[in-house]
């Protein structure tokens, strides 16, 4: 109930905001019945190997029929997931197109933001609609200018990692730091804060008016395209072995004895990232 009250307050405040005289609109989250219905449709019409308990990126990549559907009917982007009828008459998944074909063929995926000739502005939607665009200019993919860390000097080190938080955008774990070990009341308040406030890479863990703002810190110079922090692997608190590049815990590749003998530290690598051309990230070359 406490979360529902907080959500209601945030919804009310957010819907007071305007952008170019247009009010913000908050969408209600999907109900459990709707989620169950979605997975029933996925199982019946697309891929019966998809389950609610197996929705990690690595697991979904093993669902062959789902991947075929995504390739032919969907466009995955950092800020959106778009689905469009394929238009093929023999498709067993989507119903036939009811629009006149000349109109249907003018329907395109929403384009990605693209920087204009003025680097401080993006191109107009109308100039991009129907064009092939990339995600290179979206804010979370750009290399931001370094910002000032909120944490005092000497805090952002492995010995002062106290907990971890998931970024809601990239799903990577990020380290939480504090000068001293949190007492029970502070730790409980931190857990409540992480349930209440959505964290994304590059933002503080709590709002400025929260009493933990000057006590618990997260690295500010992070973006979603950056790998897992190296202090994650060397911190003293319990942690899982996860892929250095994407944060996945499943299907890690076993490093060869050759690479283990050449470097003091070899960071974990998953099969998917290896297939994408990533190599083991290493530190401390051993002098033979």
C-alpha atoms as a PDB file:
ATOM      1  CA  UNK A   1       0.000   0.000   0.000  1.00  0.00           C
ATOM      2  CA  UNK A   2       2.883   2.370   0.790  1.00  0.00           C
ATOM      3  CA  UNK A   3       4.220   1.948  -2.744  1.00  0.00           C
ATOM      4  CA  UNK A   4       0.759   2.571  -4.231  1.00  0.00           C
ATOM      5  CA  UNK A   5       0.458   5.838  -2.309  1.00  0.00           C
ATOM      6  CA  UNK A   6       3.908   6.925  -3.530  1.00  0.00           C
ATOM      7  CA  UNK A   7       3.034   5.985  -7.109  1.00  0.00           C
ATOM      8  CA  UNK A   8      -0.202   7.962  -6.874  1.00  0.00           C
ATOM      9  CA  UNK A   9       1.659  11.033  -5.594  1.00  0.00           C
ATOM     10  CA  UNK A  10       4.303  10.797  -8.348  1.00  0.00           C
ATOM     11  CA  UNK A  11       1.594  10.305 -10.984  1.00  0.00           C
ATOM     12  CA  UNK A  12      -0.298  13.384  -9.796  1.00  0.00           C
ATOM     13  CA  UNK A  13       2.824  15.542  -9.788  1.00  0.00           C
ATOM     14  CA  UNK A  14       4.095  14.268 -13.132  1.00  0.00           C
ATOM     15  CA  UNK A  15       0.786  14.947 -14.865  1.00  0.00           C
ATOM     16  CA  UNK A  16       1.060  18.596 -13.829  1.00  0.00           C
ATOM     17  CA  UNK A  17       4.130  18.967 -16.037  1.00  0.00           C
ATOM     18  CA  UNK A  18       3.960  20.293 -19.582  1.00  0.00           C
ATOM     19  CA  UNK A  19       6.257  20.178 -22.596  1.00  0.00           C
ATOM     20  CA  UNK A  20       5.465  22.606 -25.419  1.00  0.00           C
ATOM     21  CA  UNK A  21       2.063  23.171 -23.777  1.00  0.00           C
ATOM     22  CA  UNK A  22       1.301  19.433 -23.862  1.00  0.00           C
ATOM     23  CA  UNK A  23       0.574  17.787 -20.518  1.00  0.00           C
ATOM     24  CA  UNK A  24       2.491  14.695 -19.474  1.00  0.00           C
ATOM     25  CA  UNK A  25       0.415  11.527 -19.302  1.00  0.00           C
ATOM     26  CA  UNK A  26       1.133   8.542 -17.050  1.00  0.00           C
ATOM     27  CA  UNK A  27       0.107   5.072 -18.202  1.00  0.00           C
ATOM     28  CA  UNK A  28      -1.196   2.537 -15.708  1.00  0.00           C
ATOM     29  CA  UNK A  29       1.074  -0.534 -15.341  1.00  0.00           C
ATOM     30  CA  UNK A  30      -0.120  -3.838 -16.772  1.00  0.00           C
ATOM     31  CA  UNK A  31      -2.284  -5.913 -14.448  1.00  0.00           C
ATOM     32  CA  UNK A  32      -1.300  -9.494 -13.611  1.00  0.00           C
ATOM     33  CA  UNK A  33      -4.182 -10.809 -15.726  1.00  0.00           C
ATOM     34  CA  UNK A  34      -2.900  -8.851 -18.732  1.00  0.00           C
ATOM     35  CA  UNK A  35       0.637 -10.186 -18.244  1.00  0.00           C
ATOM     36  CA  UNK A  36      -0.657 -13.759 -18.013  1.00  0.00           C
ATOM     37  CA  UNK A  37      -2.720 -13.199 -21.145  1.00  0.00           C
ATOM     38  CA  UNK A  38       0.314 -11.927 -23.043  1.00  0.00           C
ATOM     39  CA  UNK A  39       2.340 -15.025 -22.207  1.00  0.00           C
ATOM     40  CA  UNK A  40      -0.575 -17.268 -23.214  1.00  0.00           C
ATOM     41  CA  UNK A  41      -0.651 -15.606 -26.639  1.00  0.00           C
ATOM     42  CA  UNK A  42       3.139 -15.870 -26.936  1.00  0.00           C
ATOM     43  CA  UNK A  43       2.960 -19.579 -26.154  1.00  0.00           C
ATOM     44  CA  UNK A  44       0.049 -20.325 -28.478  1.00  0.00           C
ATOM     45  CA  UNK A  45       0.955 -18.235 -31.530  1.00  0.00           C
ATOM     46  CA  UNK A  46       4.679 -17.508 -31.428  1.00  0.00           C
ATOM     47  CA  UNK A  47       6.929 -19.645 -29.193  1.00  0.00           C
ATOM     48  CA  UNK A  48       5.864 -22.131 -26.499  1.00  0.00           C
ATOM     49  CA  UNK A  49       9.350 -22.113 -24.942  1.00  0.00           C
ATOM     50  CA  UNK A  50       8.864 -18.573 -23.577  1.00  0.00           C
ATOM     51  CA  UNK A  51       8.020 -18.543 -19.856  1.00  0.00           C
ATOM     52  CA  UNK A  52       7.451 -15.792 -17.292  1.00  0.00           C
ATOM     53  CA  UNK A  53      10.356 -17.123 -15.228  1.00  0.00           C
ATOM     54  CA  UNK A  54      12.797 -17.038 -18.143  1.00  0.00           C
ATOM     55  CA  UNK A  55      12.859 -13.508 -19.512  1.00  0.00           C
ATOM     56  CA  UNK A  56      16.551 -12.636 -19.190  1.00  0.00           C
ATOM     57  CA  UNK A  57      18.197 -11.490 -22.415  1.00  0.00           C
ATOM     58  CA  UNK A  58      20.310 -14.618 -22.644  1.00  0.00           C
ATOM     59  CA  UNK A  59      17.307 -16.905 -22.090  1.00  0.00           C
ATOM     60  CA  UNK A  60      15.125 -15.144 -24.660  1.00  0.00           C
ATOM     61  CA  UNK A  61      17.893 -15.383 -27.257  1.00  0.00           C
ATOM     62  CA  UNK A  62      17.585 -19.187 -27.048  1.00  0.00           C
ATOM     63  CA  UNK A  63      13.868 -19.027 -27.987  1.00  0.00           C
ATOM     64  CA  UNK A  64      14.276 -19.626 -31.722  1.00  0.00           C
ATOM     65  CA  UNK A  65      10.713 -18.921 -32.875  1.00  0.00           C
ATOM     66  CA  UNK A  66      10.504 -15.779 -30.744  1.00  0.00           C
ATOM     67  CA  UNK A  67      13.713 -14.457 -32.299  1.00  0.00           C
ATOM     68  CA  UNK A  68      12.313 -15.117 -35.783  1.00  0.00           C
ATOM     69  CA  UNK A  69       9.165 -13.171 -34.862  1.00  0.00           C
ATOM     70  CA  UNK A  70      11.190 -10.254 -33.495  1.00  0.00           C
ATOM     71  CA  UNK A  71      13.292 -10.155 -36.656  1.00  0.00           C
ATOM     72  CA  UNK A  72      10.279 -10.102 -38.993  1.00  0.00           C
ATOM     73  CA  UNK A  73       7.731  -8.097 -36.992  1.00  0.00           C
ATOM     74  CA  UNK A  74       9.537  -5.924 -34.421  1.00  0.00           C
ATOM     75  CA  UNK A  75      12.059  -3.166 -33.878  1.00  0.00           C
ATOM     76  CA  UNK A  76      13.873  -3.064 -30.530  1.00  0.00           C
ATOM     77  CA  UNK A  77      15.277   0.232 -29.385  1.00  0.00           C
ATOM     78  CA  UNK A  78      16.620   1.658 -26.127  1.00  0.00           C
ATOM     79  CA  UNK A  79      13.443   3.683 -25.572  1.00  0.00           C
ATOM     80  CA  UNK A  80      10.842   1.607 -27.403  1.00  0.00           C
ATOM     81  CA  UNK A  81       9.702  -1.814 -28.546  1.00  0.00           C
ATOM     82  CA  UNK A  82       7.662  -1.586 -31.746  1.00  0.00           C
ATOM     83  CA  UNK A  83       5.550  -4.275 -33.418  1.00  0.00           C
ATOM     84  CA  UNK A  84       4.180  -4.045 -36.953  1.00  0.00           C
ATOM     85  CA  UNK A  85       2.373  -6.497 -39.188  1.00  0.00           C
ATOM     86  CA  UNK A  86       4.794  -8.032 -41.649  1.00  0.00           C
ATOM     87  CA  UNK A  87       2.340  -7.719 -44.549  1.00  0.00           C
ATOM     88  CA  UNK A  88       3.062 -11.224 -45.838  1.00  0.00           C
ATOM     89  CA  UNK A  89      -0.079 -13.054 -47.008  1.00  0.00           C
ATOM     90  CA  UNK A  90       1.140 -16.457 -45.760  1.00  0.00           C
ATOM     91  CA  UNK A  91       2.087 -15.275 -42.234  1.00  0.00           C
ATOM     92  CA  UNK A  92       0.735 -17.638 -39.554  1.00  0.00           C
ATOM     93  CA  UNK A  93       0.968 -15.044 -36.766  1.00  0.00           C
ATOM     94  CA  UNK A  94      -0.618 -11.763 -37.848  1.00  0.00           C
ATOM     95  CA  UNK A  95      -4.018 -11.318 -39.420  1.00  0.00           C
ATOM     96  CA  UNK A  96      -4.223 -10.049 -43.010  1.00  0.00           C
ATOM     97  CA  UNK A  97      -3.685  -6.336 -43.548  1.00  0.00           C
ATOM     98  CA  UNK A  98      -7.047  -4.562 -43.739  1.00  0.00           C
ATOM     99  CA  UNK A  99      -5.773  -1.166 -44.847  1.00  0.00           C
ATOM    100  CA  UNK A 100      -5.291  -0.449 -48.542  1.00  0.00           C
ATOM    101  CA  UNK A 101      -1.743  -1.554 -49.352  1.00  0.00           C
ATOM    102  CA  UNK A 102      -0.716   1.910 -50.540  1.00  0.00           C
ATOM    103  CA  UNK A 103      -1.582   3.256 -47.069  1.00  0.00           C
ATOM    104  CA  UNK A 104      -0.084   0.315 -45.146  1.00  0.00           C
ATOM    105  CA  UNK A 105       3.186   0.715 -47.036  1.00  0.00           C
ATOM    106  CA  UNK A 106       3.429   4.286 -45.743  1.00  0.00           C
ATOM    107  CA  UNK A 107       3.394   3.106 -42.108  1.00  0.00           C
ATOM    108  CA  UNK A 108       6.912   3.018 -40.681  1.00  0.00           C
ATOM    109  CA  UNK A 109       8.591   2.452 -37.355  1.00  0.00           C
ATOM    110  CA  UNK A 110       9.144   5.500 -35.162  1.00  0.00           C
ATOM    111  CA  UNK A 111      12.611   6.860 -36.057  1.00  0.00           C
ATOM    112  CA  UNK A 112      15.487   7.268 -33.618  1.00  0.00           C
ATOM    113  CA  UNK A 113      16.514  10.763 -32.484  1.00  0.00           C
ATOM    114  CA  UNK A 114      19.178  12.172 -34.808  1.00  0.00           C
ATOM    115  CA  UNK A 115      21.333  15.225 -34.155  1.00  0.00           C
ATOM    116  CA  UNK A 116      20.764  18.056 -36.634  1.00  0.00           C
ATOM    117  CA  UNK A 117      23.411  20.337 -38.123  1.00  0.00           C
ATOM    118  CA  UNK A 118      23.098  22.241 -34.840  1.00  0.00           C
ATOM    119  CA  UNK A 119      24.637  19.850 -32.269  1.00  0.00           C
ATOM    120  CA  UNK A 120      22.350  21.241 -29.547  1.00  0.00           C
ATOM    121  CA  UNK A 121      19.157  20.193 -31.354  1.00  0.00           C
ATOM    122  CA  UNK A 122      17.621  17.063 -32.856  1.00  0.00           C
ATOM    123  CA  UNK A 123      16.119  16.792 -36.330  1.00  0.00           C
ATOM    124  CA  UNK A 124      12.355  17.156 -36.779  1.00  0.00           C
ATOM    125  CA  UNK A 125      10.259  13.986 -36.687  1.00  0.00           C
ATOM    126  CA  UNK A 126       8.790  14.622 -40.146  1.00  0.00           C
ATOM    127  CA  UNK A 127      12.240  14.784 -41.737  1.00  0.00           C
ATOM    128  CA  UNK A 128      13.169  11.382 -40.264  1.00  0.00           C
ATOM    129  CA  UNK A 129       9.937   9.394 -40.589  1.00  0.00           C
ATOM    130  CA  UNK A 130      10.397   6.573 -43.081  1.00  0.00           C
ATOM    131  CA  UNK A 131      14.202   6.888 -43.031  1.00  0.00           C
ATOM    132  CA  UNK A 132      16.659   4.297 -41.729  1.00  0.00           C
ATOM    133  CA  UNK A 133      18.030   5.708 -38.486  1.00  0.00           C
ATOM    134  CA  UNK A 134      20.400   4.489 -35.776  1.00  0.00           C
ATOM    135  CA  UNK A 135      20.651   4.904 -32.002  1.00  0.00           C
ATOM    136  CA  UNK A 136      24.037   6.620 -32.080  1.00  0.00           C
ATOM    137  CA  UNK A 137      22.554   9.995 -31.047  1.00  0.00           C
ATOM    138  CA  UNK A 138      20.233   8.937 -28.224  1.00  0.00           C
ATOM    139  CA  UNK A 139      21.283  10.483 -24.887  1.00  0.00           C
ATOM    140  CA  UNK A 140      22.131   7.228 -23.098  1.00  0.00           C
ATOM    141  CA  UNK A 141      24.448   6.103 -25.931  1.00  0.00           C
ATOM    142  CA  UNK A 142      26.425   9.323 -26.060  1.00  0.00           C
ATOM    143  CA  UNK A 143      29.571   9.911 -24.073  1.00  0.00           C
ATOM    144  CA  UNK A 144      28.471  12.519 -21.584  1.00  0.00           C
ATOM    145  CA  UNK A 145      30.802  15.206 -20.357  1.00  0.00           C
ATOM    146  CA  UNK A 146      32.236  14.196 -17.021  1.00  0.00           C
ATOM    147  CA  UNK A 147      30.147  15.523 -14.177  1.00  0.00           C
ATOM    148  CA  UNK A 148      31.190  16.164 -10.619  1.00  0.00           C
ATOM    149  CA  UNK A 149      30.884  13.141  -8.371  1.00  0.00           C
ATOM    150  CA  UNK A 150      28.640  13.617  -5.353  1.00  0.00           C
ATOM    151  CA  UNK A 151      30.747  11.260  -3.241  1.00  0.00           C
ATOM    152  CA  UNK A 152      33.652  12.706  -1.213  1.00  0.00           C
ATOM    153  CA  UNK A 153      37.181  11.733  -2.197  1.00  0.00           C
ATOM    154  CA  UNK A 154      38.096   8.161  -1.299  1.00  0.00           C
ATOM    155  CA  UNK A 155      34.527   6.809  -1.181  1.00  0.00           C
ATOM    156  CA  UNK A 156      34.195   5.217  -4.636  1.00  0.00           C
ATOM    157  CA  UNK A 157      36.482   2.268  -3.878  1.00  0.00           C
ATOM    158  CA  UNK A 158      35.908  -1.463  -3.485  1.00  0.00           C
ATOM    159  CA  UNK A 159      36.292  -1.404   0.308  1.00  0.00           C
ATOM    160  CA  UNK A 160      33.300   0.948   0.637  1.00  0.00           C
ATOM    161  CA  UNK A 161      30.820  -0.892  -1.577  1.00  0.00           C
ATOM    162  CA  UNK A 162      27.769  -1.591   0.619  1.00  0.00           C
ATOM    163  CA  UNK A 163      25.115  -2.796  -1.818  1.00  0.00           C
ATOM    164  CA  UNK A 164      24.056  -2.869  -5.475  1.00  0.00           C
ATOM    165  CA  UNK A 165      21.229  -1.313  -7.473  1.00  0.00           C
ATOM    166  CA  UNK A 166      19.760  -2.226 -10.873  1.00  0.00           C
ATOM    167  CA  UNK A 167      19.440   0.412 -13.575  1.00  0.00           C
ATOM    168  CA  UNK A 168      15.873   0.244 -14.880  1.00  0.00           C
ATOM    169  CA  UNK A 169      17.070   1.164 -18.376  1.00  0.00           C
ATOM    170  CA  UNK A 170      19.994  -1.206 -19.034  1.00  0.00           C
ATOM    171  CA  UNK A 171      19.411  -3.714 -16.154  1.00  0.00           C
ATOM    172  CA  UNK A 172      23.074  -3.550 -15.153  1.00  0.00           C
ATOM    173  CA  UNK A 173      24.107  -3.677 -11.509  1.00  0.00           C
ATOM    174  CA  UNK A 174      25.744  -0.527 -10.164  1.00  0.00           C
ATOM    175  CA  UNK A 175      27.627  -0.255  -6.864  1.00  0.00           C
ATOM    176  CA  UNK A 176      26.427   1.726  -3.854  1.00  0.00           C
ATOM    177  CA  UNK A 177      29.082   3.276  -1.629  1.00  0.00           C
ATOM    178  CA  UNK A 178      29.174   4.798   1.854  1.00  0.00           C
ATOM    179  CA  UNK A 179      31.908   5.917   4.235  1.00  0.00           C
ATOM    180  CA  UNK A 180      30.828   3.472   6.938  1.00  0.00           C
ATOM    181  CA  UNK A 181      28.792   0.272   7.093  1.00  0.00           C
ATOM    182  CA  UNK A 182      25.110   1.199   7.258  1.00  0.00           C
ATOM    183  CA  UNK A 183      23.294   0.515  10.515  1.00  0.00           C
ATOM    184  CA  UNK A 184      20.010  -1.399  10.460  1.00  0.00           C
ATOM    185  CA  UNK A 185      17.772   1.668  10.197  1.00  0.00           C
ATOM    186  CA  UNK A 186      19.806   3.214   7.363  1.00  0.00           C
ATOM    187  CA  UNK A 187      19.975  -0.102   5.516  1.00  0.00           C
ATOM    188  CA  UNK A 188      16.205  -0.530   5.801  1.00  0.00           C
ATOM    189  CA  UNK A 189      15.694   3.038   4.576  1.00  0.00           C
ATOM    190  CA  UNK A 190      17.989   2.340   1.617  1.00  0.00           C
ATOM    191  CA  UNK A 191      16.014  -0.769   0.638  1.00  0.00           C
ATOM    192  CA  UNK A 192      12.775   1.222   0.822  1.00  0.00           C
ATOM    193  CA  UNK A 193      14.310   3.982  -1.292  1.00  0.00           C
ATOM    194  CA  UNK A 194      15.418   1.520  -3.972  1.00  0.00           C
ATOM    195  CA  UNK A 195      11.865   0.147  -4.140  1.00  0.00           C
ATOM    196  CA  UNK A 196      10.386   3.642  -4.288  1.00  0.00           C
ATOM    197  CA  UNK A 197      12.718   5.557  -6.621  1.00  0.00           C
ATOM    198  CA  UNK A 198      13.619   4.327 -10.106  1.00  0.00           C
ATOM    199  CA  UNK A 199      17.385   4.392 -10.642  1.00  0.00           C
ATOM    200  CA  UNK A 200      19.048   4.983 -14.003  1.00  0.00           C
ATOM    201  CA  UNK A 201      22.763   5.199 -14.754  1.00  0.00           C
ATOM    202  CA  UNK A 202      24.197   8.641 -14.066  1.00  0.00           C
ATOM    203  CA  UNK A 203      21.572   9.708 -11.516  1.00  0.00           C
ATOM    204  CA  UNK A 204      21.757   9.827  -7.697  1.00  0.00           C
ATOM    205  CA  UNK A 205      20.333   6.898  -5.777  1.00  0.00           C
ATOM    206  CA  UNK A 206      17.894   9.139  -3.843  1.00  0.00           C
ATOM    207  CA  UNK A 207      16.519  12.687  -4.283  1.00  0.00           C
ATOM    208  CA  UNK A 208      18.450  15.602  -2.835  1.00  0.00           C
ATOM    209  CA  UNK A 209      15.980  16.062   0.024  1.00  0.00           C
ATOM    210  CA  UNK A 210      16.379  12.440   1.239  1.00  0.00           C
ATOM    211  CA  UNK A 211      18.466  11.977   4.382  1.00  0.00           C
ATOM    212  CA  UNK A 212      20.625   9.319   2.638  1.00  0.00           C
ATOM    213  CA  UNK A 213      21.610  11.737  -0.151  1.00  0.00           C
ATOM    214  CA  UNK A 214      24.844  12.699   1.651  1.00  0.00           C
ATOM    215  CA  UNK A 215      25.426   9.238   3.069  1.00  0.00           C
ATOM    216  CA  UNK A 216      24.959   6.687   0.246  1.00  0.00           C
ATOM    217  CA  UNK A 217      26.483   7.333  -3.170  1.00  0.00           C
ATOM    218  CA  UNK A 218      26.527   5.871  -6.645  1.00  0.00           C
ATOM    219  CA  UNK A 219      29.039   6.770  -9.332  1.00  0.00           C
ATOM    220  CA  UNK A 220      27.634   9.681 -11.351  1.00  0.00           C
ATOM    221  CA  UNK A 221      29.915   9.317 -14.392  1.00  0.00           C
ATOM    222  CA  UNK A 222      28.080   6.248 -15.651  1.00  0.00           C
ATOM    223  CA  UNK A 223      26.017   5.699 -18.781  1.00  0.00           C
ATOM    224  CA  UNK A 224      24.079   2.623 -19.819  1.00  0.00           C
ATOM    225  CA  UNK A 225      26.618   1.743 -22.507  1.00  0.00           C
ATOM    226  CA  UNK A 226      29.443   1.402 -19.959  1.00  0.00           C
ATOM    227  CA  UNK A 227      30.348  -2.054 -18.574  1.00  0.00           C
ATOM    228  CA  UNK A 228      30.076  -3.274 -14.992  1.00  0.00           C
ATOM    229  CA  UNK A 229      32.291  -1.328 -12.578  1.00  0.00           C
ATOM    230  CA  UNK A 230      35.551  -3.109 -11.817  1.00  0.00           C
ATOM    231  CA  UNK A 231      35.102  -2.508  -8.072  1.00  0.00           C
ATOM    232  CA  UNK A 232      32.038  -4.780  -8.263  1.00  0.00           C
ATOM    233  CA  UNK A 233      34.307  -7.794  -8.743  1.00  0.00           C
ATOM    234  CA  UNK A 234      36.786  -6.846  -6.007  1.00  0.00           C
ATOM    235  CA  UNK A 235      34.377  -5.640  -3.294  1.00  0.00           C
ATOM    236  CA  UNK A 236      34.115  -7.441   0.039  1.00  0.00           C
ATOM    237  CA  UNK A 237      30.369  -8.057   0.104  1.00  0.00           C
ATOM    238  CA  UNK A 238      28.827 -11.133  -1.493  1.00  0.00           C
ATOM    239  CA  UNK A 239      28.310 -10.832  -5.232  1.00  0.00           C
ATOM    240  CA  UNK A 240      27.660 -13.082  -8.224  1.00  0.00           C
ATOM    241  CA  UNK A 241      29.924 -13.533 -11.206  1.00  0.00           C
ATOM    242  CA  UNK A 242      28.290 -11.599 -14.029  1.00  0.00           C
ATOM    243  CA  UNK A 243      29.364 -10.679 -17.550  1.00  0.00           C
ATOM    244  CA  UNK A 244      31.600  -7.610 -17.549  1.00  0.00           C
ATOM    245  CA  UNK A 245      29.883  -6.151 -20.630  1.00  0.00           C
ATOM    246  CA  UNK A 246      26.148  -6.813 -20.124  1.00  0.00           C
ATOM    247  CA  UNK A 247      25.724  -7.978 -16.521  1.00  0.00           C
ATOM    248  CA  UNK A 248      24.170 -11.348 -17.375  1.00  0.00           C
ATOM    249  CA  UNK A 249      24.786 -14.157 -14.906  1.00  0.00           C
ATOM    250  CA  UNK A 250      23.934 -17.115 -17.157  1.00  0.00           C
ATOM    251  CA  UNK A 251      26.006 -18.881 -19.815  1.00  0.00           C
ATOM    252  CA  UNK A 252      29.407 -17.522 -18.849  1.00  0.00           C
ATOM    253  CA  UNK A 253      32.369 -18.623 -20.953  1.00  0.00           C
ATOM    254  CA  UNK A 254      35.178 -20.499 -19.217  1.00  0.00           C
ATOM    255  CA  UNK A 255      38.461 -18.650 -19.870  1.00  0.00           C
ATOM    256  CA  UNK A 256      41.287 -20.764 -21.240  1.00  0.00           C
ATOM    257  CA  UNK A 257      44.317 -21.641 -19.140  1.00  0.00           C
ATOM    258  CA  UNK A 258      46.400 -19.658 -21.604  1.00  0.00           C
ATOM    259  CA  UNK A 259      44.609 -16.374 -20.884  1.00  0.00           C
ATOM    260  CA  UNK A 260      44.509 -17.095 -17.139  1.00  0.00           C
ATOM    261  CA  UNK A 261      48.264 -17.577 -17.156  1.00  0.00           C
ATOM    262  CA  UNK A 262      48.845 -14.270 -18.966  1.00  0.00           C
ATOM    263  CA  UNK A 263      46.786 -11.882 -16.792  1.00  0.00           C
ATOM    264  CA  UNK A 264      46.273 -11.315 -13.092  1.00  0.00           C
ATOM    265  CA  UNK A 265      42.570 -10.523 -13.561  1.00  0.00           C
ATOM    266  CA  UNK A 266      40.200 -11.906 -16.196  1.00  0.00           C
ATOM    267  CA  UNK A 267      36.678 -10.496 -16.029  1.00  0.00           C
ATOM    268  CA  UNK A 268      33.650 -12.721 -16.820  1.00  0.00           C
ATOM    269  CA  UNK A 269      32.298 -12.910 -20.369  1.00  0.00           C
ATOM    270  CA  UNK A 270      28.971 -14.434 -21.458  1.00  0.00           C
ATOM    271  CA  UNK A 271      28.361 -16.446 -24.622  1.00  0.00           C
ATOM    272  CA  UNK A 272      26.127 -13.779 -26.177  1.00  0.00           C
ATOM    273  CA  UNK A 273      28.715 -11.005 -25.783  1.00  0.00           C
ATOM    274  CA  UNK A 274      31.395 -13.332 -27.148  1.00  0.00           C
ATOM    275  CA  UNK A 275      29.212 -14.032 -30.197  1.00  0.00           C
ATOM    276  CA  UNK A 276      28.936 -10.265 -30.658  1.00  0.00           C
ATOM    277  CA  UNK A 277      32.703  -9.995 -30.933  1.00  0.00           C
ATOM    278  CA  UNK A 278      33.616  -9.154 -27.340  1.00  0.00           C
ATOM    279  CA  UNK A 279      36.759 -10.630 -25.796  1.00  0.00           C
ATOM    280  CA  UNK A 280      37.678 -11.233 -22.168  1.00  0.00           C
ATOM    281  CA  UNK A 281      38.497  -7.926 -20.497  1.00  0.00           C
ATOM    282  CA  UNK A 282      41.774  -8.331 -18.630  1.00  0.00           C
ATOM    283  CA  UNK A 283      44.057  -6.434 -16.263  1.00  0.00           C
ATOM    284  CA  UNK A 284      47.588  -6.849 -15.018  1.00  0.00           C
ATOM    285  CA  UNK A 285      49.601  -8.644 -17.685  1.00  0.00           C
ATOM    286  CA  UNK A 286      51.934 -11.144 -16.038  1.00  0.00           C
ATOM    287  CA  UNK A 287      55.559 -10.648 -17.015  1.00  0.00           C
ATOM    288  CA  UNK A 288      57.066 -13.969 -18.048  1.00  0.00           C
END
